[in-house]
């Protein structure tokens, strides 16, 4: 089963642009499991405290994660990006919209899922 790790930026963009995370299935075409590092949850919880659209989107993101029962993974990292870099290997696909994280993952030949044109997902 393929493992897909989602970053904070990716989840927030999916909520912001109303992209269904189940669309990942259409891209991967094989059984997969979505993993969320604990640092991503912590980051979303901090963002959810903010007023405005971003805070609201973070609250919705946390609800989606809970509803979909994504697997949470514990890491010793407090930074979501470092947590993802720690657990990502060549057998993992990472969903991110973070430019620095994308560059780091590409250097390690890790497959990416990206939000394209603010309306759909694609492999990057």
N, C-alpha and C. Protein backbone atom coordinates (compact mmCIF):
# COMPACT_ATOMS: atom_id res chain seq x y z
N UNK A 1 0.84 -1.18 0.00
CA UNK A 1 0.00 0.00 0.00
C UNK A 1 0.89 1.25 0.00
N UNK A 2 0.60 2.16 -0.89
CA UNK A 2 1.36 3.40 -1.01
C UNK A 2 1.05 4.33 0.16
N UNK A 3 2.06 5.01 0.65
CA UNK A 3 1.87 5.97 1.74
C UNK A 3 1.93 7.38 1.18
N UNK A 4 0.94 8.21 1.56
CA UNK A 4 0.87 9.60 1.12
C UNK A 4 0.90 10.47 2.37
N UNK A 5 1.91 11.33 2.46
CA UNK A 5 2.03 12.25 3.59
C UNK A 5 1.56 13.62 3.14
N UNK A 6 0.68 14.23 3.94
CA UNK A 6 0.16 15.55 3.58
C UNK A 6 0.75 16.63 4.49
N UNK A 7 1.16 17.72 3.86
CA UNK A 7 1.72 18.88 4.54
C UNK A 7 0.61 19.87 4.87
N UNK A 8 0.88 20.73 5.82
CA UNK A 8 -0.08 21.76 6.23
C UNK A 8 -0.54 22.60 5.05
N UNK A 9 0.40 23.06 4.25
CA UNK A 9 0.07 23.94 3.11
C UNK A 9 -0.85 23.25 2.12
N UNK A 10 -0.61 21.98 1.88
CA UNK A 10 -1.42 21.21 0.93
C UNK A 10 -2.86 21.06 1.44
N UNK A 11 -2.99 20.73 2.72
CA UNK A 11 -4.32 20.55 3.30
C UNK A 11 -5.08 21.87 3.29
N UNK A 12 -4.41 22.95 3.67
CA UNK A 12 -5.07 24.26 3.67
C UNK A 12 -5.48 24.69 2.26
N UNK A 13 -4.63 24.43 1.27
CA UNK A 13 -4.99 24.76 -0.11
C UNK A 13 -6.19 23.93 -0.58
N UNK A 14 -6.21 22.66 -0.21
CA UNK A 14 -7.34 21.80 -0.59
C UNK A 14 -8.65 22.35 -0.02
N UNK A 15 -8.61 22.82 1.22
CA UNK A 15 -9.80 23.41 1.84
C UNK A 15 -10.14 24.73 1.16
N UNK A 16 -9.14 25.57 1.00
CA UNK A 16 -9.34 26.91 0.41
C UNK A 16 -9.96 26.83 -0.98
N UNK A 17 -9.46 25.91 -1.80
CA UNK A 17 -9.92 25.80 -3.19
C UNK A 17 -10.99 24.72 -3.38
N UNK A 18 -11.50 24.19 -2.26
CA UNK A 18 -12.57 23.18 -2.28
C UNK A 18 -12.23 21.96 -3.13
N UNK A 19 -11.03 21.45 -2.90
CA UNK A 19 -10.57 20.24 -3.59
C UNK A 19 -10.76 19.05 -2.66
N UNK A 20 -11.44 18.04 -3.14
CA UNK A 20 -11.70 16.85 -2.33
C UNK A 20 -10.42 16.01 -2.24
N UNK A 21 -10.00 15.72 -1.01
CA UNK A 21 -8.78 14.93 -0.83
C UNK A 21 -8.94 13.51 -1.36
N UNK A 22 -10.17 13.06 -1.57
CA UNK A 22 -10.38 11.74 -2.18
C UNK A 22 -9.92 11.72 -3.64
N UNK A 23 -9.70 12.90 -4.22
CA UNK A 23 -9.18 12.97 -5.60
C UNK A 23 -7.78 12.39 -5.71
N UNK A 24 -7.10 12.21 -4.58
CA UNK A 24 -5.78 11.58 -4.59
C UNK A 24 -5.88 10.20 -5.23
N UNK A 25 -6.99 9.52 -4.99
CA UNK A 25 -7.21 8.19 -5.56
C UNK A 25 -7.12 8.21 -7.08
N UNK A 26 -7.61 9.27 -7.71
CA UNK A 26 -7.59 9.36 -9.18
C UNK A 26 -6.18 9.54 -9.73
N UNK A 27 -5.28 10.04 -8.92
CA UNK A 27 -3.91 10.29 -9.37
C UNK A 27 -3.03 9.07 -9.15
N UNK A 28 -3.19 8.43 -8.02
CA UNK A 28 -2.28 7.35 -7.63
C UNK A 28 -2.65 6.01 -8.28
N UNK A 29 -3.93 5.75 -8.42
CA UNK A 29 -4.41 4.51 -9.06
C UNK A 29 -3.89 3.24 -8.41
N UNK A 30 -3.75 3.25 -7.12
CA UNK A 30 -3.38 2.06 -6.36
C UNK A 30 -3.81 2.29 -4.91
N UNK A 31 -3.91 1.23 -4.14
CA UNK A 31 -4.29 1.42 -2.73
C UNK A 31 -3.27 2.33 -2.03
N UNK A 32 -3.79 3.20 -1.18
CA UNK A 32 -2.91 4.12 -0.47
C UNK A 32 -3.45 4.42 0.92
N UNK A 33 -2.57 4.94 1.74
CA UNK A 33 -2.91 5.33 3.10
C UNK A 33 -2.40 6.76 3.29
N UNK A 34 -3.25 7.63 3.83
CA UNK A 34 -2.83 9.01 4.06
C UNK A 34 -2.31 9.13 5.49
N UNK A 35 -1.10 9.70 5.58
CA UNK A 35 -0.44 9.90 6.87
C UNK A 35 -0.31 11.39 7.15
N UNK A 36 -0.56 11.78 8.39
CA UNK A 36 -0.42 13.16 8.80
C UNK A 36 0.54 13.21 9.98
N UNK A 37 1.70 13.85 9.82
CA UNK A 37 2.63 13.98 10.95
C UNK A 37 2.01 14.80 12.08
N UNK A 38 2.35 14.45 13.32
CA UNK A 38 1.81 15.18 14.46
C UNK A 38 2.16 16.67 14.41
N UNK A 39 3.30 17.01 13.83
CA UNK A 39 3.69 18.42 13.71
C UNK A 39 2.73 19.19 12.79
N UNK A 40 2.17 18.52 11.79
CA UNK A 40 1.18 19.16 10.91
C UNK A 40 -0.10 19.45 11.70
N UNK A 41 -0.53 18.50 12.52
CA UNK A 41 -1.71 18.72 13.36
C UNK A 41 -1.47 19.91 14.29
N UNK A 42 -0.31 19.93 14.91
CA UNK A 42 0.02 21.04 15.82
C UNK A 42 0.00 22.37 15.08
N UNK A 43 0.58 22.39 13.88
CA UNK A 43 0.61 23.62 13.07
C UNK A 43 -0.82 24.07 12.73
N UNK A 44 -1.66 23.13 12.32
CA UNK A 44 -3.05 23.46 12.00
C UNK A 44 -3.80 23.98 13.23
N UNK A 45 -3.53 23.40 14.38
CA UNK A 45 -4.18 23.86 15.61
C UNK A 45 -3.78 25.30 15.94
N UNK A 46 -2.51 25.62 15.72
CA UNK A 46 -2.05 26.99 15.96
C UNK A 46 -2.71 27.96 14.99
N UNK A 47 -2.79 27.58 13.72
CA UNK A 47 -3.40 28.44 12.70
C UNK A 47 -4.90 28.60 12.98
N UNK A 48 -5.54 27.55 13.48
CA UNK A 48 -6.98 27.58 13.76
C UNK A 48 -7.34 28.61 14.83
N UNK A 49 -6.38 29.01 15.64
CA UNK A 49 -6.62 30.02 16.67
C UNK A 49 -6.78 31.41 16.08
N UNK A 50 -6.30 31.59 14.85
CA UNK A 50 -6.39 32.90 14.19
C UNK A 50 -7.81 33.19 13.74
N UNK A 51 -8.13 34.46 13.73
CA UNK A 51 -9.42 34.88 13.19
C UNK A 51 -9.27 35.04 11.69
N UNK A 52 -10.37 35.02 11.01
CA UNK A 52 -10.33 35.21 9.56
C UNK A 52 -10.39 33.90 8.81
N UNK A 53 -10.22 34.02 7.50
CA UNK A 53 -10.40 32.89 6.59
C UNK A 53 -9.38 31.77 6.83
N UNK A 54 -8.12 32.14 7.05
CA UNK A 54 -7.10 31.11 7.25
C UNK A 54 -7.38 30.29 8.51
N UNK A 55 -7.77 30.96 9.58
CA UNK A 55 -8.12 30.25 10.81
C UNK A 55 -9.31 29.33 10.61
N UNK A 56 -10.31 29.83 9.88
CA UNK A 56 -11.49 29.01 9.58
C UNK A 56 -11.12 27.80 8.73
N UNK A 57 -10.25 28.02 7.74
CA UNK A 57 -9.81 26.91 6.88
C UNK A 57 -9.06 25.86 7.69
N UNK A 58 -8.26 26.30 8.65
CA UNK A 58 -7.51 25.35 9.49
C UNK A 58 -8.48 24.52 10.33
N UNK A 59 -9.54 25.15 10.84
CA UNK A 59 -10.54 24.41 11.61
C UNK A 59 -11.23 23.35 10.74
N UNK A 60 -11.58 23.74 9.52
CA UNK A 60 -12.19 22.80 8.58
C UNK A 60 -11.21 21.66 8.28
N UNK A 61 -9.95 22.00 8.08
CA UNK A 61 -8.92 20.98 7.79
C UNK A 61 -8.83 19.97 8.92
N UNK A 62 -8.84 20.44 10.16
CA UNK A 62 -8.78 19.53 11.31
C UNK A 62 -10.01 18.64 11.37
N UNK A 63 -11.17 19.18 11.03
CA UNK A 63 -12.40 18.38 11.00
C UNK A 63 -12.32 17.29 9.92
N UNK A 64 -11.79 17.66 8.76
CA UNK A 64 -11.64 16.69 7.67
C UNK A 64 -10.71 15.56 8.08
N UNK A 65 -9.58 15.91 8.69
CA UNK A 65 -8.61 14.91 9.13
C UNK A 65 -9.27 13.94 10.11
N UNK A 66 -10.04 14.48 11.04
CA UNK A 66 -10.72 13.64 12.03
C UNK A 66 -11.78 12.76 11.36
N UNK A 67 -12.57 13.35 10.48
CA UNK A 67 -13.66 12.63 9.81
C UNK A 67 -13.13 11.51 8.91
N UNK A 68 -12.08 11.79 8.17
CA UNK A 68 -11.53 10.81 7.23
C UNK A 68 -10.69 9.75 7.93
N UNK A 69 -10.39 9.97 9.19
CA UNK A 69 -9.59 9.03 9.99
C UNK A 69 -8.23 8.74 9.35
N UNK A 70 -7.57 9.81 8.92
CA UNK A 70 -6.21 9.66 8.40
C UNK A 70 -5.31 9.18 9.54
N UNK A 71 -4.27 8.47 9.19
CA UNK A 71 -3.37 7.93 10.20
C UNK A 71 -2.39 9.02 10.65
N UNK A 72 -2.34 9.25 11.95
CA UNK A 72 -1.41 10.22 12.50
C UNK A 72 -0.09 9.53 12.80
N UNK A 73 1.01 10.19 12.45
CA UNK A 73 2.32 9.62 12.74
C UNK A 73 3.07 10.54 13.70
N UNK A 74 3.65 9.92 14.71
CA UNK A 74 4.40 10.67 15.71
C UNK A 74 5.84 10.82 15.26
N UNK A 75 6.35 12.02 15.42
CA UNK A 75 7.76 12.28 15.14
C UNK A 75 8.30 13.09 16.31
N UNK A 76 9.60 13.22 16.37
CA UNK A 76 10.21 14.03 17.43
C UNK A 76 10.38 15.48 16.98
N UNK A 77 9.94 15.78 15.77
CA UNK A 77 10.11 17.13 15.21
C UNK A 77 8.96 18.05 15.59
N UNK A 78 9.28 19.33 15.79
CA UNK A 78 8.24 20.33 16.04
C UNK A 78 7.87 21.06 14.76
N UNK A 79 8.76 21.03 13.79
CA UNK A 79 8.50 21.65 12.48
C UNK A 79 7.85 20.62 11.56
N UNK A 80 6.75 21.01 10.94
CA UNK A 80 6.05 20.10 10.03
C UNK A 80 6.95 19.70 8.86
N UNK A 81 7.67 20.67 8.30
CA UNK A 81 8.55 20.37 7.16
C UNK A 81 9.64 19.38 7.56
N UNK A 82 10.27 19.60 8.71
CA UNK A 82 11.32 18.68 9.17
C UNK A 82 10.74 17.30 9.45
N UNK A 83 9.53 17.26 10.01
CA UNK A 83 8.88 15.97 10.29
C UNK A 83 8.68 15.19 8.99
N UNK A 84 8.21 15.89 7.96
CA UNK A 84 7.99 15.24 6.67
C UNK A 84 9.30 14.77 6.07
N UNK A 85 10.32 15.61 6.12
CA UNK A 85 11.63 15.23 5.58
C UNK A 85 12.22 14.04 6.34
N UNK A 86 11.91 13.93 7.61
CA UNK A 86 12.42 12.83 8.42
C UNK A 86 11.79 11.49 8.02
N UNK A 87 10.49 11.50 7.73
CA UNK A 87 9.80 10.23 7.45
C UNK A 87 9.67 9.91 5.96
N UNK A 88 9.89 10.89 5.10
CA UNK A 88 9.71 10.66 3.66
C UNK A 88 10.87 9.86 3.08
N UNK A 89 10.52 8.86 2.30
CA UNK A 89 11.52 8.11 1.54
C UNK A 89 10.97 7.88 0.14
N UNK A 90 11.68 7.13 -0.67
CA UNK A 90 11.30 6.97 -2.07
C UNK A 90 9.99 6.20 -2.27
N UNK A 91 9.52 5.52 -1.24
CA UNK A 91 8.26 4.78 -1.35
C UNK A 91 7.06 5.61 -0.90
N UNK A 92 7.30 6.88 -0.63
CA UNK A 92 6.26 7.77 -0.12
C UNK A 92 5.97 8.85 -1.15
N UNK A 93 4.73 9.32 -1.18
CA UNK A 93 4.35 10.47 -1.99
C UNK A 93 3.97 11.57 -1.00
N UNK A 94 4.43 12.79 -1.25
CA UNK A 94 4.13 13.90 -0.34
C UNK A 94 3.26 14.93 -1.05
N UNK A 95 2.17 15.33 -0.40
CA UNK A 95 1.32 16.40 -0.89
C UNK A 95 1.73 17.69 -0.20
N UNK A 96 2.22 18.67 -0.97
CA UNK A 96 2.64 19.94 -0.39
C UNK A 96 2.46 21.08 -1.39
N UNK A 97 2.30 22.27 -0.85
CA UNK A 97 2.28 23.49 -1.66
C UNK A 97 3.44 24.39 -1.24
N UNK A 98 4.26 23.92 -0.33
CA UNK A 98 5.38 24.68 0.22
C UNK A 98 6.58 24.61 -0.73
N UNK A 99 7.00 25.76 -1.23
CA UNK A 99 8.06 25.80 -2.24
C UNK A 99 9.38 25.21 -1.74
N UNK A 100 9.81 25.60 -0.54
CA UNK A 100 11.08 25.08 -0.01
C UNK A 100 11.02 23.58 0.22
N UNK A 101 9.89 23.12 0.75
CA UNK A 101 9.75 21.69 0.99
C UNK A 101 9.74 20.92 -0.33
N UNK A 102 9.04 21.45 -1.33
CA UNK A 102 9.02 20.81 -2.66
C UNK A 102 10.43 20.65 -3.20
N UNK A 103 11.23 21.71 -3.11
CA UNK A 103 12.61 21.65 -3.62
C UNK A 103 13.42 20.60 -2.88
N UNK A 104 13.29 20.55 -1.56
CA UNK A 104 14.03 19.56 -0.77
C UNK A 104 13.62 18.14 -1.13
N UNK A 105 12.33 17.93 -1.32
CA UNK A 105 11.84 16.59 -1.65
C UNK A 105 12.25 16.18 -3.06
N UNK A 106 12.22 17.12 -4.00
CA UNK A 106 12.64 16.81 -5.38
C UNK A 106 14.10 16.40 -5.43
N UNK A 107 14.94 17.05 -4.62
CA UNK A 107 16.37 16.70 -4.57
C UNK A 107 16.56 15.26 -4.09
N UNK A 108 15.61 14.78 -3.31
CA UNK A 108 15.68 13.41 -2.78
C UNK A 108 14.88 12.43 -3.64
N UNK A 109 14.40 12.90 -4.81
CA UNK A 109 13.62 12.07 -5.74
C UNK A 109 12.35 11.49 -5.12
N UNK A 110 11.69 12.29 -4.31
CA UNK A 110 10.43 11.87 -3.69
C UNK A 110 9.28 12.43 -4.52
N UNK A 111 8.33 11.57 -4.86
CA UNK A 111 7.18 11.99 -5.67
C UNK A 111 6.29 12.95 -4.90
N UNK A 112 5.69 13.89 -5.63
CA UNK A 112 4.86 14.92 -5.03
C UNK A 112 3.46 14.93 -5.62
N UNK A 113 2.50 15.35 -4.81
CA UNK A 113 1.16 15.68 -5.29
C UNK A 113 1.01 17.18 -5.06
N UNK A 114 0.58 17.88 -6.09
CA UNK A 114 0.48 19.33 -6.03
C UNK A 114 -0.92 19.80 -6.37
N UNK A 115 -1.28 20.97 -5.86
CA UNK A 115 -2.53 21.63 -6.24
C UNK A 115 -2.21 22.44 -7.50
N UNK A 116 -2.94 22.19 -8.57
CA UNK A 116 -2.71 22.88 -9.84
C UNK A 116 -3.88 23.79 -10.19
N UNK A 117 -3.58 24.97 -10.66
CA UNK A 117 -4.58 25.93 -11.14
C UNK A 117 -5.70 26.16 -10.13
N UNK A 118 -5.39 25.97 -8.87
CA UNK A 118 -6.35 26.20 -7.78
C UNK A 118 -7.63 25.37 -7.90
N UNK A 119 -7.56 24.26 -8.67
CA UNK A 119 -8.79 23.48 -8.81
C UNK A 119 -8.62 21.98 -8.90
N UNK A 120 -7.41 21.48 -9.10
CA UNK A 120 -7.25 20.03 -9.15
C UNK A 120 -5.86 19.62 -8.66
N UNK A 121 -5.71 18.32 -8.45
CA UNK A 121 -4.46 17.76 -7.97
C UNK A 121 -3.73 17.09 -9.12
N UNK A 122 -2.40 17.10 -9.04
CA UNK A 122 -1.61 16.38 -10.04
C UNK A 122 -0.29 15.95 -9.43
N UNK A 123 0.32 14.96 -10.05
CA UNK A 123 1.65 14.53 -9.62
C UNK A 123 2.66 15.56 -10.12
N UNK A 124 3.63 15.86 -9.29
CA UNK A 124 4.61 16.87 -9.68
C UNK A 124 6.01 16.39 -9.60
